[in-house]
């Protein structure tokens, strides 16, 4: 075999190996992206996170109470702010000044006359 034929054979062998690696990689990617497998992994991860959160709550109940209190204040703060905005939108009724000649109770003026 000449040097050109040997290099051609080596290049073809490298191409075959590269195709085999690509095929293996593609199969691996397809296996990882299987929807059922992804759903199972997500479920397992969320379950593990929930159990870790419960364990943390058991170890630090005051922290959980503080977080719940802050969340409650956040919700109540929004409601309090909404009430304040509504009150500010209302225009105050001006006070009526009565003269000394008019009686304090208008219904008495009918009786006196």
N, C-alpha and C. Protein backbone atom coordinates (compact mmCIF):
# COMPACT_ATOMS: atom_id res chain seq x y z
N UNK A 1 0.83 -1.17 0.00
CA UNK A 1 0.00 0.00 0.00
C UNK A 1 0.88 1.24 0.00
N UNK A 2 0.44 2.17 -0.73
CA UNK A 2 1.18 3.42 -0.79
C UNK A 2 0.78 4.30 0.38
N UNK A 3 1.50 5.34 0.58
CA UNK A 3 1.24 6.26 1.69
C UNK A 3 -0.13 6.93 1.54
N UNK A 4 -0.52 7.24 0.31
CA UNK A 4 -1.81 7.88 0.08
C UNK A 4 -2.94 6.94 0.44
N UNK A 5 -2.79 5.65 0.05
CA UNK A 5 -3.85 4.68 0.37
C UNK A 5 -3.92 4.44 1.88
N UNK A 6 -2.75 4.44 2.55
CA UNK A 6 -2.76 4.24 4.01
C UNK A 6 -3.43 5.42 4.70
N UNK A 7 -3.14 6.62 4.26
CA UNK A 7 -3.76 7.79 4.89
C UNK A 7 -5.26 7.83 4.59
N UNK A 8 -5.65 7.36 3.40
CA UNK A 8 -7.08 7.28 3.07
C UNK A 8 -7.76 6.25 3.95
N UNK A 9 -7.14 5.10 4.14
CA UNK A 9 -7.70 4.06 5.00
C UNK A 9 -7.78 4.55 6.44
N UNK A 10 -6.77 5.27 6.90
CA UNK A 10 -6.78 5.81 8.27
C UNK A 10 -7.89 6.85 8.42
N UNK A 11 -8.08 7.68 7.41
CA UNK A 11 -9.13 8.69 7.45
C UNK A 11 -10.50 8.04 7.47
N UNK A 12 -10.67 6.97 6.68
CA UNK A 12 -11.95 6.26 6.67
C UNK A 12 -12.19 5.59 8.02
N UNK A 13 -11.15 5.04 8.63
CA UNK A 13 -11.29 4.43 9.95
C UNK A 13 -11.67 5.48 10.99
N UNK A 14 -11.05 6.65 10.90
CA UNK A 14 -11.39 7.74 11.82
C UNK A 14 -12.84 8.19 11.62
N UNK A 15 -13.28 8.23 10.37
CA UNK A 15 -14.66 8.62 10.08
C UNK A 15 -15.63 7.61 10.66
N UNK A 16 -15.31 6.31 10.54
CA UNK A 16 -16.18 5.27 11.10
C UNK A 16 -16.24 5.41 12.62
N UNK A 17 -15.09 5.65 13.26
CA UNK A 17 -15.07 5.84 14.71
C UNK A 17 -15.86 7.08 15.12
N UNK A 18 -15.73 8.15 14.36
CA UNK A 18 -16.45 9.38 14.66
C UNK A 18 -17.95 9.17 14.53
N UNK A 19 -18.37 8.43 13.48
CA UNK A 19 -19.80 8.13 13.31
C UNK A 19 -20.31 7.29 14.48
N UNK A 20 -19.51 6.33 14.93
CA UNK A 20 -19.91 5.48 16.06
C UNK A 20 -20.04 6.32 17.33
N UNK A 21 -19.09 7.24 17.57
CA UNK A 21 -19.18 8.11 18.74
C UNK A 21 -20.40 9.02 18.66
N UNK A 22 -20.63 9.57 17.46
CA UNK A 22 -21.79 10.44 17.27
C UNK A 22 -23.09 9.68 17.49
N UNK A 23 -23.15 8.47 16.98
CA UNK A 23 -24.34 7.65 17.16
C UNK A 23 -24.57 7.35 18.63
N UNK A 24 -23.49 7.03 19.35
CA UNK A 24 -23.61 6.75 20.78
C UNK A 24 -24.05 8.00 21.54
N UNK A 25 -23.49 9.14 21.16
CA UNK A 25 -23.87 10.39 21.81
C UNK A 25 -25.33 10.72 21.53
N UNK A 26 -25.75 10.54 20.28
CA UNK A 26 -27.13 10.82 19.91
C UNK A 26 -28.09 9.91 20.68
N UNK A 27 -27.75 8.64 20.80
CA UNK A 27 -28.58 7.70 21.56
C UNK A 27 -28.64 8.13 23.03
N UNK A 28 -27.52 8.56 23.57
CA UNK A 28 -27.47 9.01 24.96
C UNK A 28 -28.34 10.26 25.16
N UNK A 29 -28.27 11.19 24.23
CA UNK A 29 -29.08 12.42 24.32
C UNK A 29 -30.56 12.07 24.23
N UNK A 30 -30.93 11.19 23.32
CA UNK A 30 -32.33 10.79 23.20
C UNK A 30 -32.82 10.12 24.48
N UNK A 31 -31.97 9.31 25.10
CA UNK A 31 -32.37 8.64 26.34
C UNK A 31 -32.55 9.67 27.46
N UNK A 32 -31.68 10.66 27.52
CA UNK A 32 -31.79 11.68 28.57
C UNK A 32 -33.00 12.58 28.37
N UNK A 33 -33.40 12.80 27.13
CA UNK A 33 -34.52 13.70 26.84
C UNK A 33 -35.85 12.98 26.72
N UNK A 34 -35.91 11.75 27.17
CA UNK A 34 -37.17 11.01 27.14
C UNK A 34 -38.16 11.70 28.09
N UNK A 35 -39.34 12.08 27.62
CA UNK A 35 -40.28 12.82 28.47
C UNK A 35 -40.65 12.08 29.76
N UNK A 36 -40.83 10.79 29.66
CA UNK A 36 -41.20 10.03 30.86
C UNK A 36 -40.06 10.08 31.88
N UNK A 37 -38.83 9.94 31.40
CA UNK A 37 -37.67 9.99 32.29
C UNK A 37 -37.52 11.38 32.90
N UNK A 38 -37.73 12.41 32.10
CA UNK A 38 -37.65 13.78 32.62
C UNK A 38 -38.71 14.03 33.69
N UNK A 39 -39.92 13.53 33.45
CA UNK A 39 -41.00 13.70 34.43
C UNK A 39 -40.66 12.96 35.72
N UNK A 40 -40.12 11.76 35.61
CA UNK A 40 -39.74 11.00 36.80
C UNK A 40 -38.65 11.73 37.58
N UNK A 41 -37.66 12.27 36.88
CA UNK A 41 -36.58 13.00 37.55
C UNK A 41 -37.11 14.25 38.23
N UNK A 42 -38.02 14.96 37.57
CA UNK A 42 -38.60 16.17 38.16
C UNK A 42 -39.41 15.83 39.40
N UNK A 43 -40.19 14.76 39.32
CA UNK A 43 -40.98 14.33 40.47
C UNK A 43 -40.07 13.94 41.64
N UNK A 44 -39.02 13.19 41.35
CA UNK A 44 -38.09 12.79 42.40
C UNK A 44 -37.40 13.99 43.03
N UNK A 45 -37.01 14.94 42.20
CA UNK A 45 -36.34 16.14 42.72
C UNK A 45 -37.29 16.98 43.57
N UNK A 46 -38.54 17.12 43.14
CA UNK A 46 -39.49 17.91 43.92
C UNK A 46 -39.84 17.22 45.23
N UNK A 47 -39.95 15.90 45.20
CA UNK A 47 -40.21 15.15 46.43
C UNK A 47 -39.06 15.31 47.41
N UNK A 48 -37.84 15.22 46.90
CA UNK A 48 -36.67 15.38 47.77
C UNK A 48 -36.62 16.79 48.35
N UNK A 49 -36.95 17.79 47.55
CA UNK A 49 -36.95 19.17 48.03
C UNK A 49 -38.03 19.38 49.09
N UNK A 50 -39.19 18.77 48.89
CA UNK A 50 -40.27 18.89 49.87
C UNK A 50 -39.87 18.26 51.20
N UNK A 51 -39.27 17.08 51.14
CA UNK A 51 -38.84 16.43 52.38
C UNK A 51 -37.73 17.23 53.07
N UNK A 52 -36.84 17.81 52.29
CA UNK A 52 -35.79 18.65 52.88
C UNK A 52 -36.41 19.88 53.54
N UNK A 53 -37.42 20.46 52.92
CA UNK A 53 -38.11 21.61 53.51
C UNK A 53 -38.83 21.24 54.79
N UNK A 54 -39.47 20.08 54.81
CA UNK A 54 -40.14 19.64 56.04
C UNK A 54 -39.14 19.41 57.16
N UNK A 55 -38.02 18.82 56.83
CA UNK A 55 -36.98 18.60 57.84
C UNK A 55 -36.46 19.92 58.37
N UNK A 56 -36.30 20.89 57.50
CA UNK A 56 -35.85 22.22 57.92
C UNK A 56 -36.89 22.87 58.82
N UNK A 57 -38.17 22.69 58.51
CA UNK A 57 -39.23 23.25 59.35
C UNK A 57 -39.21 22.60 60.73
N UNK A 58 -38.94 21.31 60.80
CA UNK A 58 -38.89 20.64 62.09
C UNK A 58 -37.72 21.15 62.92
N UNK A 59 -36.60 21.45 62.27
CA UNK A 59 -35.42 21.91 63.00
C UNK A 59 -35.53 23.38 63.40
N UNK A 60 -36.18 24.21 62.58
CA UNK A 60 -36.26 25.65 62.84
C UNK A 60 -37.70 26.14 62.72
N UNK A 61 -38.56 25.82 63.68
CA UNK A 61 -39.96 26.28 63.55
C UNK A 61 -40.08 27.80 63.67
N UNK A 62 -39.18 28.44 64.41
CA UNK A 62 -39.27 29.90 64.54
C UNK A 62 -38.98 30.59 63.20
N UNK A 63 -38.07 30.03 62.43
CA UNK A 63 -37.78 30.59 61.11
C UNK A 63 -39.02 30.50 60.22
N UNK A 64 -39.69 29.38 60.26
CA UNK A 64 -40.89 29.20 59.45
C UNK A 64 -41.98 30.16 59.91
N UNK A 65 -42.12 30.32 61.22
CA UNK A 65 -43.12 31.26 61.74
C UNK A 65 -42.80 32.68 61.30
N UNK A 66 -41.52 33.04 61.32
CA UNK A 66 -41.12 34.37 60.87
C UNK A 66 -41.41 34.60 59.40
N UNK A 67 -41.12 33.60 58.59
CA UNK A 67 -41.39 33.72 57.15
C UNK A 67 -42.89 33.83 56.90
N UNK A 68 -43.67 33.02 57.62
CA UNK A 68 -45.13 33.08 57.46
C UNK A 68 -45.65 34.44 57.91
N UNK A 69 -45.08 34.98 58.99
CA UNK A 69 -45.49 36.31 59.45
C UNK A 69 -45.17 37.39 58.44
N UNK A 70 -43.99 37.32 57.85
CA UNK A 70 -43.63 38.30 56.81
C UNK A 70 -44.54 38.20 55.61
N UNK A 71 -44.89 36.97 55.23
CA UNK A 71 -45.80 36.78 54.11
C UNK A 71 -47.17 37.36 54.45
N UNK A 72 -47.63 37.13 55.69
CA UNK A 72 -48.91 37.70 56.12
C UNK A 72 -48.88 39.22 56.11
N UNK A 73 -47.77 39.80 56.57
CA UNK A 73 -47.64 41.26 56.54
C UNK A 73 -47.65 41.79 55.11
N UNK A 74 -47.03 41.05 54.22
CA UNK A 74 -47.02 41.46 52.82
C UNK A 74 -48.45 41.50 52.28
N UNK A 75 -49.21 40.45 52.55
CA UNK A 75 -50.60 40.43 52.07
C UNK A 75 -51.43 41.50 52.77
N UNK A 76 -51.29 41.63 54.09
CA UNK A 76 -52.06 42.63 54.82
C UNK A 76 -51.63 44.03 54.42
N UNK A 77 -50.35 44.21 54.16
CA UNK A 77 -49.87 45.53 53.75
C UNK A 77 -50.49 45.99 52.45
N UNK A 78 -50.68 45.07 51.53
CA UNK A 78 -51.32 45.42 50.26
C UNK A 78 -52.77 45.82 50.50
N UNK A 79 -53.45 45.11 51.40
CA UNK A 79 -54.84 45.44 51.68
C UNK A 79 -54.94 46.78 52.41
N UNK A 80 -54.03 47.01 53.36
CA UNK A 80 -54.03 48.27 54.08
C UNK A 80 -53.75 49.43 53.13
N UNK A 81 -52.81 49.24 52.24
CA UNK A 81 -52.50 50.29 51.25
C UNK A 81 -53.70 50.55 50.35
N UNK A 82 -54.44 49.51 49.99
CA UNK A 82 -55.62 49.69 49.15
C UNK A 82 -56.69 50.49 49.89
N UNK A 83 -56.88 50.22 51.17
CA UNK A 83 -57.86 50.97 51.97
C UNK A 83 -57.43 52.43 52.07
N UNK A 84 -56.15 52.67 52.31
CA UNK A 84 -55.67 54.05 52.40
C UNK A 84 -55.85 54.78 51.09
N UNK A 85 -55.61 54.10 49.97
CA UNK A 85 -55.80 54.75 48.67
C UNK A 85 -57.27 55.11 48.47
N UNK A 86 -58.16 54.21 48.88
CA UNK A 86 -59.59 54.50 48.72
C UNK A 86 -59.99 55.70 49.57
N UNK A 87 -59.46 55.77 50.79
CA UNK A 87 -59.80 56.89 51.67
C UNK A 87 -59.25 58.20 51.12
N UNK A 88 -58.09 58.17 50.53
CA UNK A 88 -57.51 59.39 49.98
C UNK A 88 -58.28 59.87 48.76
N UNK A 89 -58.88 58.96 48.03
CA UNK A 89 -59.65 59.36 46.84
C UNK A 89 -60.94 60.06 47.22
N UNK A 90 -61.51 59.69 48.38
CA UNK A 90 -62.75 60.34 48.81
C UNK A 90 -62.44 61.78 49.20
N UNK A 91 -63.33 62.69 48.80
CA UNK A 91 -63.13 64.09 49.16
C UNK A 91 -63.84 64.33 50.49
N UNK A 92 -63.19 65.00 51.41
CA UNK A 92 -63.83 65.26 52.70
C UNK A 92 -64.99 66.24 52.53
N UNK A 93 -66.03 66.04 53.31
CA UNK A 93 -67.20 66.91 53.28
C UNK A 93 -66.85 68.15 54.09
N UNK A 94 -66.99 69.33 53.50
CA UNK A 94 -66.64 70.54 54.26
C UNK A 94 -67.62 70.76 55.40
N UNK A 95 -67.12 71.30 56.49
CA UNK A 95 -67.97 71.57 57.65
C UNK A 95 -68.86 72.77 57.34
N UNK A 96 -70.08 72.73 57.88
CA UNK A 96 -71.02 73.83 57.66
C UNK A 96 -70.97 74.76 58.88
N UNK A 97 -70.82 76.01 58.60
CA UNK A 97 -70.77 77.00 59.67
C UNK A 97 -72.18 77.52 59.86
N UNK A 98 -72.64 77.47 61.09
CA UNK A 98 -73.99 77.95 61.39
C UNK A 98 -73.89 79.36 61.97
N UNK A 99 -74.84 80.16 61.58
CA UNK A 99 -74.86 81.53 62.13
C UNK A 99 -75.55 81.51 63.48
N UNK A 100 -75.37 82.55 64.24
CA UNK A 100 -75.97 82.62 65.58
C UNK A 100 -77.48 82.69 65.50
N UNK A 101 -78.03 83.22 64.40
CA UNK A 101 -79.48 83.36 64.30
C UNK A 101 -80.16 82.03 63.96
N UNK A 102 -79.44 81.12 63.33
CA UNK A 102 -80.09 79.85 62.98
C UNK A 102 -79.98 78.89 64.15
N UNK A 103 -81.06 78.16 64.42
CA UNK A 103 -81.04 77.22 65.54
C UNK A 103 -80.10 76.04 65.24
N UNK A 104 -79.64 75.38 66.29
CA UNK A 104 -78.74 74.25 66.09
C UNK A 104 -79.49 73.06 65.54
N UNK A 105 -80.75 72.94 65.84
CA UNK A 105 -81.54 71.84 65.33
C UNK A 105 -82.61 72.42 64.42
N UNK A 106 -82.56 72.18 63.12
CA UNK A 106 -83.53 72.79 62.20
C UNK A 106 -84.97 72.38 62.49
N UNK A 107 -85.18 71.25 63.07
CA UNK A 107 -86.55 70.83 63.33
C UNK A 107 -87.19 71.67 64.42
N UNK A 108 -86.40 72.29 65.29
CA UNK A 108 -86.94 73.15 66.34
C UNK A 108 -87.48 74.46 65.78
N UNK A 109 -86.99 74.87 64.63
CA UNK A 109 -87.45 76.13 64.05
C UNK A 109 -88.92 76.05 63.68
N UNK A 110 -89.41 74.88 63.36
CA UNK A 110 -90.83 74.75 63.03
C UNK A 110 -91.69 74.85 64.28
N UNK A 111 -91.19 74.36 65.37
CA UNK A 111 -91.97 74.38 66.61
C UNK A 111 -92.05 75.80 67.16
N UNK A 112 -90.95 76.54 67.09
CA UNK A 112 -90.92 77.88 67.63
C UNK A 112 -91.74 78.86 66.81
N UNK A 113 -91.94 78.62 65.54
CA UNK A 113 -92.63 79.59 64.73
C UNK A 113 -94.11 79.47 64.80
